[in-house]
Protein backbone atom coordinates (compact mmCIF):
# COMPACT_ATOMS: atom_id res chain seq x y z
CA MET A 1 14.65 -7.63 -4.83
CA LEU A 2 15.99 -10.70 -3.11
CA PRO A 3 13.52 -13.59 -2.79
CA VAL A 4 12.63 -14.76 0.71
CA VAL A 5 11.19 -18.27 0.87
CA THR A 6 9.73 -20.07 3.86
CA PRO A 7 11.08 -23.49 4.92
CA GLU A 8 7.99 -25.15 3.46
CA GLU A 9 8.42 -23.32 0.15
CA MET A 10 12.08 -24.32 0.11
CA ARG A 11 11.14 -27.95 0.71
CA GLN A 12 8.84 -27.84 -2.32
CA ILE A 13 11.57 -26.21 -4.40
CA ASP A 14 14.03 -28.92 -3.39
CA ASN A 15 11.51 -31.64 -4.28
CA ALA A 16 10.97 -30.11 -7.71
CA ALA A 17 14.69 -29.92 -8.52
CA HIS A 18 15.80 -31.55 -11.76
CA GLU A 19 19.11 -32.70 -10.24
CA SER A 20 19.38 -35.48 -7.72
CA GLU A 21 19.74 -34.87 -4.01
CA GLU A 22 23.31 -36.16 -4.18
CA VAL A 23 24.25 -33.58 -6.81
CA LEU A 24 22.75 -30.75 -4.78
CA ILE A 25 24.58 -31.90 -1.64
CA GLU A 26 27.89 -31.92 -3.52
CA ARG A 27 27.26 -28.38 -4.79
CA ALA A 28 26.38 -27.22 -1.30
CA GLY A 29 29.45 -28.91 0.17
CA TYR A 30 31.72 -27.26 -2.38
CA ALA A 31 30.22 -23.82 -1.61
CA ILE A 32 30.64 -24.36 2.14
CA ALA A 33 34.25 -25.43 1.69
CA ALA A 34 35.00 -22.41 -0.50
CA GLU A 35 33.61 -20.05 2.12
CA ALA A 36 35.49 -21.87 4.88
CA LEU A 37 38.75 -21.41 3.00
CA ARG A 38 38.01 -17.72 2.53
CA MET A 39 37.23 -17.24 6.22
CA MET A 40 40.47 -18.98 7.29
CA GLY A 41 42.63 -17.27 4.67
CA GLY A 42 43.94 -20.60 3.42
CA GLY A 43 43.83 -24.32 3.97
CA TYR A 44 46.95 -26.39 4.59
CA GLY A 45 47.62 -27.19 8.24
CA ARG A 46 44.39 -25.69 9.55
CA ARG A 47 41.79 -27.49 11.65
CA VAL A 48 38.04 -27.40 11.10
CA THR A 49 35.35 -28.86 13.33
CA ILE A 50 32.06 -29.72 11.61
CA ILE A 51 28.93 -30.22 13.72
CA ALA A 52 26.94 -32.53 11.48
CA GLY A 53 23.41 -33.76 12.13
CA LYS A 54 21.56 -36.65 10.51
CA GLY A 55 19.69 -34.63 7.88
CA ASN A 56 20.69 -32.88 4.69
CA ASN A 57 22.46 -30.08 6.54
CA GLY A 58 24.71 -32.69 8.10
CA ASN A 59 25.26 -34.25 4.68
CA ASP A 60 26.21 -30.81 3.33
CA GLY A 61 28.74 -30.48 6.15
CA ARG A 62 30.20 -33.91 5.51
CA ALA A 63 30.51 -33.10 1.81
CA ALA A 64 32.33 -29.89 2.74
CA ALA A 65 34.73 -31.95 4.88
CA ARG A 66 35.72 -34.05 1.86
CA TYR A 67 36.61 -30.94 -0.15
CA LEU A 68 38.48 -29.38 2.75
CA ARG A 69 40.57 -32.49 3.36
CA ARG A 70 41.75 -32.31 -0.24
CA ARG A 71 43.21 -28.92 0.65
CA GLY A 72 45.21 -30.32 3.54
CA ILE A 73 42.76 -29.33 6.28
CA ARG A 74 42.19 -31.60 9.25
CA CYS A 75 38.44 -32.04 9.68
CA ASN A 76 36.83 -33.32 12.84
CA ILE A 77 33.15 -34.25 12.54
CA GLN A 78 31.15 -33.93 15.77
CA ALA A 79 27.57 -34.95 16.59
CA PRO A 80 25.13 -32.16 17.57
CA ASP A 81 25.00 -33.43 21.16
CA SER A 82 28.77 -33.10 21.67
CA PRO A 83 29.21 -31.03 24.86
CA THR A 84 32.58 -29.59 23.87
CA LEU A 85 34.39 -28.85 20.65
CA PRO A 86 38.08 -29.41 19.96
CA LYS A 87 40.35 -26.45 19.36
CA SER A 88 39.94 -25.38 15.72
CA ASN A 89 40.54 -22.60 13.26
CA LEU A 90 36.87 -22.72 12.22
CA VAL A 91 33.65 -24.40 13.29
CA ILE A 92 31.08 -25.30 10.63
CA ASP A 93 27.57 -25.49 12.09
CA ALA A 94 25.73 -28.08 9.97
CA ALA A 95 23.73 -29.58 12.82
CA PHE A 96 20.18 -28.69 11.74
CA GLY A 97 18.48 -26.82 8.92
CA THR A 98 15.60 -24.43 8.41
CA GLY A 99 12.94 -27.07 9.12
CA PHE A 100 14.17 -27.72 12.67
CA ARG A 101 11.28 -27.33 15.14
CA ASP A 102 12.77 -28.77 18.32
CA SER A 103 15.31 -27.23 20.70
CA TRP A 104 19.06 -27.67 20.72
CA ARG A 105 21.55 -27.34 23.51
CA PRO A 106 24.62 -26.26 21.56
CA PRO A 107 28.16 -26.61 22.85
CA SER A 108 29.87 -23.57 24.32
CA GLN A 109 30.58 -20.77 21.85
CA PRO A 110 34.01 -21.56 20.32
CA GLN A 111 36.86 -19.08 20.37
CA CYS A 112 37.25 -19.36 16.61
CA ARG A 113 34.91 -18.13 13.89
CA VAL A 114 31.69 -20.00 13.06
CA LEU A 115 30.25 -20.72 9.61
CA ALA A 116 26.57 -21.72 9.65
CA VAL A 117 25.05 -23.87 6.92
CA ASP A 118 21.74 -22.49 5.58
CA ILE A 119 20.77 -21.06 9.00
CA PRO A 120 22.34 -21.18 12.47
CA SER A 121 21.13 -24.42 14.07
CA GLY A 122 18.41 -23.78 16.62
CA ILE A 123 17.01 -20.74 14.77
CA ASP A 124 13.48 -21.25 13.46
CA GLY A 125 13.65 -20.76 9.71
CA LEU A 126 10.19 -19.20 9.57
CA THR A 127 10.12 -16.94 12.63
CA GLY A 128 13.72 -16.29 13.63
CA HIS A 129 12.96 -17.64 17.12
CA ASP A 130 16.11 -18.88 18.90
CA THR A 131 15.82 -22.17 20.79
CA GLY A 132 19.58 -22.35 21.35
CA SER A 133 22.25 -21.51 18.78
CA LEU A 134 25.87 -20.68 18.17
CA GLN A 135 26.66 -17.13 17.11
CA ALA A 136 27.66 -17.33 13.46
CA ASP A 137 30.14 -15.01 11.80
CA THR A 138 28.86 -16.02 8.37
CA THR A 139 25.87 -18.00 7.15
CA VAL A 140 25.87 -19.62 3.73
CA THR A 141 22.24 -20.11 2.70
CA PHE A 142 21.08 -21.92 -0.41
CA GLY A 143 18.80 -20.72 -3.18
CA ALA A 144 17.20 -17.79 -1.38
CA LEU A 145 16.95 -15.99 1.93
CA LYS A 146 14.79 -17.49 4.67
CA PRO A 147 12.59 -15.40 7.00
CA GLY A 148 14.50 -16.64 10.05
CA LEU A 149 17.68 -15.04 8.70
CA LEU A 150 15.98 -11.64 8.57
CA LEU A 151 13.74 -11.65 11.65
CA GLN A 152 15.14 -11.19 15.12
CA PRO A 153 16.80 -12.75 16.98
CA GLY A 154 17.79 -14.98 14.05
CA ALA A 155 19.10 -12.03 12.08
CA SER A 156 21.57 -11.13 14.83
CA ARG A 157 22.71 -14.75 15.23
CA SER A 158 23.41 -15.24 11.50
CA GLY A 159 26.28 -12.82 10.94
CA GLU A 160 27.05 -12.00 7.32
CA ILE A 161 24.64 -13.81 5.00
CA LYS A 162 25.79 -15.18 1.66
CA ILE A 163 23.32 -16.66 -0.81
CA VAL A 164 24.59 -19.58 -2.90
CA ASP A 165 22.85 -20.57 -6.12
CA LEU A 166 22.60 -24.34 -6.38
CA GLY A 167 20.69 -24.22 -9.67
CA LEU A 168 17.28 -24.48 -8.02
CA ASP A 169 14.26 -22.83 -9.58
CA ILE A 170 13.24 -20.29 -6.94
CA GLY A 171 10.55 -18.94 -9.25
CA THR A 172 8.51 -15.89 -8.38
CA SER A 173 8.59 -15.51 -4.63
CA LYS A 174 5.67 -13.90 -2.81
CA ASN A 175 8.12 -12.42 -0.31
CA ASN A 176 11.15 -10.27 -1.04
CA LEU A 177 13.83 -8.26 0.71
CA ILE A 178 14.04 -4.64 -0.44
CA THR A 179 17.47 -3.69 -1.79
CA ASP A 180 19.13 -0.42 -2.74
CA ASP A 181 18.39 -1.15 -6.40
CA ASP A 182 14.67 -1.34 -5.62
CA ALA A 183 14.81 1.87 -3.63
CA ALA A 184 16.74 3.72 -6.34
CA LYS A 185 13.92 3.19 -8.83
CA VAL A 186 11.43 4.86 -6.49
CA ILE A 187 13.49 7.73 -5.08
CA ALA A 188 15.23 8.72 -8.30
CA ALA A 189 15.07 12.30 -9.49
CA ARG A 190 11.72 13.82 -10.43
CA SER A 191 10.63 14.02 -14.03
CA ALA A 192 11.18 17.19 -16.04
CA THR A 193 7.45 17.97 -15.91
CA ALA A 194 7.12 17.72 -12.13
CA HIS A 195 5.93 20.74 -10.13
CA LYS A 196 5.35 21.45 -6.46
CA TRP A 197 1.88 19.91 -6.45
CA THR A 198 3.00 16.69 -8.17
CA ASN A 199 3.57 15.01 -4.81
CA ALA A 200 2.19 17.61 -2.42
CA VAL A 201 1.42 16.21 1.02
CA ARG A 202 -1.33 17.28 3.40
CA VAL A 203 -0.45 16.63 7.03
CA VAL A 204 -2.88 16.44 9.94
CA ALA A 205 -0.85 15.94 13.11
CA GLY A 206 0.00 17.24 16.52
CA SER A 207 -1.72 18.30 19.72
CA PRO A 208 -0.90 20.82 22.48
CA GLN A 209 1.40 18.31 24.21
CA MET A 210 2.83 16.78 21.01
CA THR A 211 3.64 19.58 18.58
CA GLY A 212 6.94 17.85 17.79
CA ALA A 213 5.09 15.09 15.94
CA ALA A 214 3.76 17.63 13.45
CA GLN A 215 7.23 19.09 12.98
CA LEU A 216 8.81 15.69 12.38
CA VAL A 217 6.27 14.34 9.89
CA THR A 218 6.34 17.62 7.95
CA HIS A 219 10.12 17.77 7.87
CA GLY A 220 10.27 14.12 6.78
CA ALA A 221 7.90 14.73 3.88
CA LEU A 222 9.81 17.79 2.71
CA ARG A 223 13.20 16.11 2.85
CA ALA A 224 11.79 13.06 1.04
CA GLY A 225 10.93 15.27 -1.92
CA SER A 226 7.44 16.64 -1.41
CA GLY A 227 7.23 19.94 -3.25
CA MET A 228 4.49 21.29 -0.99
CA VAL A 229 3.50 20.36 2.54
CA VAL A 230 0.47 21.92 4.22
CA ALA A 231 0.12 21.02 7.88
CA SER A 232 -2.58 21.54 10.47
CA SER A 233 -3.79 20.15 13.77
CA PRO A 234 -7.37 19.70 15.00
CA ASN A 235 -6.72 21.66 18.20
CA THR A 236 -3.35 23.38 17.91
CA ASP A 237 -2.26 26.42 15.94
CA LEU A 238 0.86 25.15 14.19
CA SER A 239 1.75 28.68 13.05
CA LEU A 240 2.94 29.21 16.64
CA VAL A 241 5.21 26.16 16.40
CA PRO A 242 8.72 26.31 14.86
CA MET A 243 7.79 24.29 11.78
CA PRO A 244 10.15 23.92 8.79
CA GLN A 245 10.17 27.26 7.02
CA GLU A 246 9.01 25.74 3.71
CA ALA A 247 5.83 24.34 5.24
CA VAL A 248 2.45 26.03 5.06
CA THR A 249 0.35 25.88 8.22
CA ARG A 250 -3.39 26.29 8.64
CA GLN A 251 -5.62 26.85 11.61
CA HIS A 252 -9.05 25.20 11.85
CA SER A 253 -12.38 25.71 13.52
CA GLU A 254 -12.65 23.50 16.59
CA HIS A 255 -15.54 21.25 15.53
CA SER A 256 -15.35 21.34 11.72
CA TRP A 257 -11.65 20.89 11.12
CA HIS A 258 -12.05 17.68 9.15
CA GLN A 259 -14.55 19.33 6.80
CA GLU A 260 -12.07 22.15 6.19
CA VAL A 261 -9.30 19.68 5.37
CA LEU A 262 -11.58 18.00 2.82
CA GLU A 263 -12.32 21.25 0.99
CA ASP A 264 -9.09 21.25 -1.04
CA LEU A 265 -7.67 17.82 -0.26
CA HIS A 266 -8.13 16.79 -3.90
CA LYS A 267 -5.20 19.07 -4.80
CA PHE A 268 -2.76 16.91 -2.88
CA ALA A 269 -1.05 13.64 -3.78
CA ALA A 270 -1.48 12.22 -0.28
CA LEU A 271 -2.78 12.79 3.23
CA VAL A 272 -0.66 11.80 6.25
CA ILE A 273 -2.74 11.72 9.39
CA GLY A 274 -2.22 10.70 12.97
CA PRO A 275 1.18 11.57 14.48
CA GLY A 276 0.62 13.26 17.82
CA LEU A 277 -3.18 13.37 17.53
CA GLU A 278 -5.27 13.28 20.68
CA THR A 279 -7.48 10.21 20.89
CA ASP A 280 -10.59 11.64 22.51
CA GLN A 281 -13.89 10.48 21.07
CA GLU A 282 -14.68 13.63 19.12
CA THR A 283 -11.27 13.79 17.44
CA MET A 284 -11.35 10.09 16.58
CA THR A 285 -14.83 10.33 15.05
CA ALA A 286 -13.78 13.26 12.90
CA THR A 287 -10.53 11.53 11.95
CA ALA A 288 -12.40 8.41 10.85
CA GLU A 289 -14.76 10.48 8.71
CA LEU A 290 -11.84 12.29 7.09
CA ILE A 291 -10.12 8.98 6.30
CA SER A 292 -13.33 7.57 4.86
CA ARG A 293 -13.97 10.55 2.58
CA ALA A 294 -10.40 11.43 1.59
CA PRO A 295 -10.15 11.44 -2.23
CA VAL A 296 -6.40 10.74 -2.18
CA PRO A 297 -4.02 8.10 -0.81
CA VAL A 298 -3.81 8.18 2.99
CA VAL A 299 -0.97 7.22 5.32
CA ILE A 300 -2.46 6.40 8.72
CA ASP A 301 -0.15 6.53 11.72
CA ALA A 302 -0.20 6.77 15.52
CA GLY A 303 -3.43 8.36 16.82
CA ALA A 304 -5.25 7.83 13.53
CA LEU A 305 -4.73 4.08 13.95
CA THR A 306 -6.90 4.34 17.06
CA ALA A 307 -9.57 6.00 14.92
CA VAL A 308 -9.46 3.02 12.55
CA ALA A 309 -9.69 0.60 15.48
CA THR A 310 -12.74 2.35 16.93
CA HIS A 311 -14.36 3.09 13.54
CA PRO A 312 -13.28 0.16 11.30
CA GLY A 313 -15.91 1.01 8.71
CA CYS A 314 -13.90 4.08 7.70
CA LEU A 315 -11.70 1.89 5.51
CA SER A 316 -14.42 -0.05 3.71
CA SER A 317 -15.59 2.86 1.56
CA ARG A 318 -12.12 3.92 0.44
CA SER A 319 -11.19 3.52 -3.22
CA HIS A 320 -7.72 5.05 -2.96
CA THR A 321 -4.51 3.68 -1.50
CA THR A 322 -4.43 3.26 2.26
CA VAL A 323 -1.24 2.57 4.22
CA LEU A 324 -1.31 1.74 7.94
CA THR A 325 1.98 2.01 9.85
CA PRO A 326 1.63 0.36 13.30
CA HIS A 327 4.28 -0.72 15.74
CA ASP A 328 3.48 -3.80 17.83
CA GLY A 329 1.36 -1.96 20.39
CA GLU A 330 -0.65 -0.19 17.70
CA PHE A 331 -1.04 -3.49 15.87
CA GLU A 332 -2.70 -4.82 19.02
CA THR A 333 -4.99 -1.78 19.07
CA LEU A 334 -5.99 -2.51 15.47
CA THR A 335 -6.41 -6.29 15.68
CA GLY A 336 -6.92 -7.10 19.34
CA MET A 337 -3.66 -9.01 19.72
CA ARG A 338 0.05 -8.35 19.43
CA PRO A 339 1.97 -9.93 16.56
CA ALA A 340 2.70 -13.60 17.19
CA VAL A 341 6.16 -15.15 17.00
CA ASP A 342 5.23 -15.83 13.36
CA ARG A 343 5.03 -12.15 12.41
CA MET A 344 4.42 -12.96 8.75
CA SER A 345 1.21 -14.85 9.46
CA SER A 346 0.05 -12.20 11.92
CA LEU A 347 0.49 -9.51 9.31
CA ARG A 348 -1.28 -11.49 6.60
CA ARG A 349 -4.25 -12.04 8.91
CA ALA A 350 -4.49 -8.33 9.70
CA ILE A 351 -6.54 -5.79 7.76
CA GLN A 352 -6.45 -7.22 4.25
CA ASP A 353 -7.73 -4.40 2.05
CA CYS A 354 -4.82 -2.06 2.85
CA THR A 355 -1.06 -1.95 2.82
CA VAL A 356 0.15 -2.55 6.38
CA LEU A 357 3.67 -1.64 7.45
CA LEU A 358 4.53 -3.41 10.71
CA LYS A 359 7.47 -1.64 12.31
CA GLY A 360 10.17 -3.59 14.07
CA PRO A 361 13.89 -4.45 13.96
CA THR A 362 12.96 -5.92 10.60
CA THR A 363 9.99 -4.09 9.14
CA LEU A 364 7.38 -6.09 7.24
CA VAL A 365 5.12 -4.57 4.60
CA SER A 366 2.06 -6.39 3.30
CA ASN A 367 -0.24 -5.64 0.43
CA PRO A 368 -3.83 -6.75 -0.26
CA LEU A 369 -2.58 -9.52 -2.58
CA GLY A 370 -0.78 -11.29 0.28
CA SER A 371 2.85 -10.67 -0.64
CA LEU A 372 5.33 -9.29 1.88
CA PHE A 373 8.37 -7.05 1.71
CA PHE A 374 11.15 -7.31 4.28
CA VAL A 375 13.08 -4.15 5.21
CA SER A 376 16.27 -4.57 7.22
CA SER A 377 18.28 -1.45 6.39
CA GLY A 378 18.13 0.28 9.80
CA ASP A 379 19.39 -0.53 13.26
CA GLN A 380 18.62 0.17 16.92
CA ARG A 381 19.14 3.92 16.44
CA LEU A 382 15.60 4.03 15.06
CA ALA A 383 14.27 2.98 18.47
CA THR A 384 13.72 6.57 19.51
CA ALA A 385 10.63 8.70 20.02
CA GLY A 386 9.43 10.37 16.84
CA SER A 387 11.28 8.25 14.28
CA GLY A 388 7.96 6.79 13.13
CA ASP A 389 6.60 10.31 12.54
CA VAL A 390 9.48 10.97 10.14
CA LEU A 391 8.76 7.66 8.38
CA ALA A 392 5.10 8.59 7.91
CA GLY A 393 6.18 11.80 6.18
CA ILE A 394 8.60 9.95 3.92
CA ILE A 395 5.92 7.50 2.84
CA GLY A 396 3.53 10.37 2.19
CA ALA A 397 6.05 11.90 -0.21
CA LEU A 398 6.53 8.59 -2.07
CA ILE A 399 3.00 7.21 -2.08
CA GLU A 400 2.18 8.53 -5.54
CA HIS A 401 4.17 5.55 -6.88
CA PRO A 402 1.85 3.08 -8.66
CA GLU A 403 2.81 0.23 -6.29
CA GLU A 404 1.91 1.67 -2.91
CA HIS A 405 3.25 -1.27 -0.91
CA LEU A 406 6.59 -0.92 -2.68
CA ALA A 407 6.60 2.82 -1.97
CA ALA A 408 5.94 2.14 1.72
CA ALA A 409 8.73 -0.44 1.87
CA VAL A 410 11.16 1.85 0.06
CA GLY A 411 10.27 4.64 2.49
CA ALA A 412 11.21 2.36 5.37
CA HIS A 413 14.41 1.29 3.59
CA TRP A 414 15.44 4.92 3.02
CA HIS A 415 14.53 5.78 6.61
CA GLY A 416 16.74 2.93 7.81
CA HIS A 417 19.66 4.04 5.65
CA ALA A 418 19.41 7.52 7.14
CA SER A 419 19.71 6.09 10.65
CA LEU A 420 22.96 4.35 9.69
CA LEU A 421 24.52 7.76 9.00
CA ALA A 422 23.56 9.10 12.42
CA GLU A 423 25.53 9.31 15.63
CA PRO A 424 24.81 6.57 18.21
CA ASN A 425 22.75 8.99 20.32
CA MET A 426 20.58 10.03 17.38
CA THR A 427 17.22 11.69 17.94
CA ALA A 428 14.35 11.63 15.46
CA GLY A 429 14.99 15.25 14.61
CA ASP A 430 18.31 14.25 13.05
CA LEU A 431 16.71 11.90 10.53
CA PRO A 432 15.19 14.31 7.98
CA ASP A 433 18.49 16.02 7.25
CA LEU A 434 20.15 12.63 6.78
CA LEU A 435 17.74 11.60 4.02
CA ALA A 436 19.68 13.46 1.29
CA PRO A 437 23.04 11.80 2.03
CA ALA A 438 21.28 8.46 2.48
CA ARG A 439 19.67 8.94 -0.93
CA SER A 440 23.12 9.53 -2.43
CA VAL A 441 24.39 6.30 -0.89
CA ILE A 442 21.44 4.36 -2.31
CA LEU A 443 21.75 5.83 -5.81
CA GLN A 444 25.52 5.28 -6.02
CA LYS A 445 25.25 1.51 -5.54
């Protein structure tokens, strides 16, 4: 995992450093200069413009200029309010740092490449909000990642991110970015004693108008390694739907379907409920009762999130793992308001006795202890109907892992990797079959 620290946490880390501020600035300047040389492919005869503010970021930039001049590079230091920049081989953006809370009117985007120091100036280090910035090709950040480098639009403005160790004691961060190494530990091959019921998944999904949701969640669970998936819908006979051939389907009585699901639910490792469900009062009441009484971990998605919103007491009696997977609109259904610009705080203030996976360009996963995982493996190809149904199935297949919030985050990471292997016009139905090659990519790193 890669630590992610907030600007305030980074300020405290800086204050606790054993070395002086001057020493840290020199280290930062040397690292900036080294990256600048790499980006330009050399030094002698080249021109660099450094936008340097009054704070430590500006001092870092000025330190970098000293090192670059020793390599025969002409360095021109500009104030942040300079309307234009001279022609250069590289611009170093050292105007403002992660604690900047004002707005900045940057000069016009230069024709050359841009190297940002710690974070592109004008990007909020906590939220990723853009108040005016230059598009960076590379960002050198110090000590650890910052949320604003991972959350949009800051993530898109930062380019390639390189973390430089200045010798600071980052300690144990409450927030971390999921990496392939983390995912590999969760999705590695099954043990020699595993059997088809080891991580069997029970799926309750679909309705007459949304049978595809049941197909997608089931296919996702199977391709993520579930040895047995049994699927049913409260009001649709899934045996009449072209489900994956390995899946088992069941048909229920109209008014007692949730009781019938409970009869053998103890045999399963997890219940995934909600994709494609109708949200009429009777179905939601039954769904809430099933969630409340389920003797296994439950992944709650889509329509079942409405059941939680209308019957919040269904979570209070649960003693097993519960994972909620809302997008922004469903988050509003659950909490009464959409996520704020500070998505981290919004998520921490949400339902606190469950793992909550907040979908987005960067997915955030919370756990009841208050820590957060960042997941940034996917791209805009996931913005397609049904991709969340596949994700719910993946998480259902992984949720037997002792750390349920890690399992949820790894599921999202794997899901994102699969999207990167897809064609630009991907549909959700493509994702399950891409999980195996995505798994190979993750395990090979």
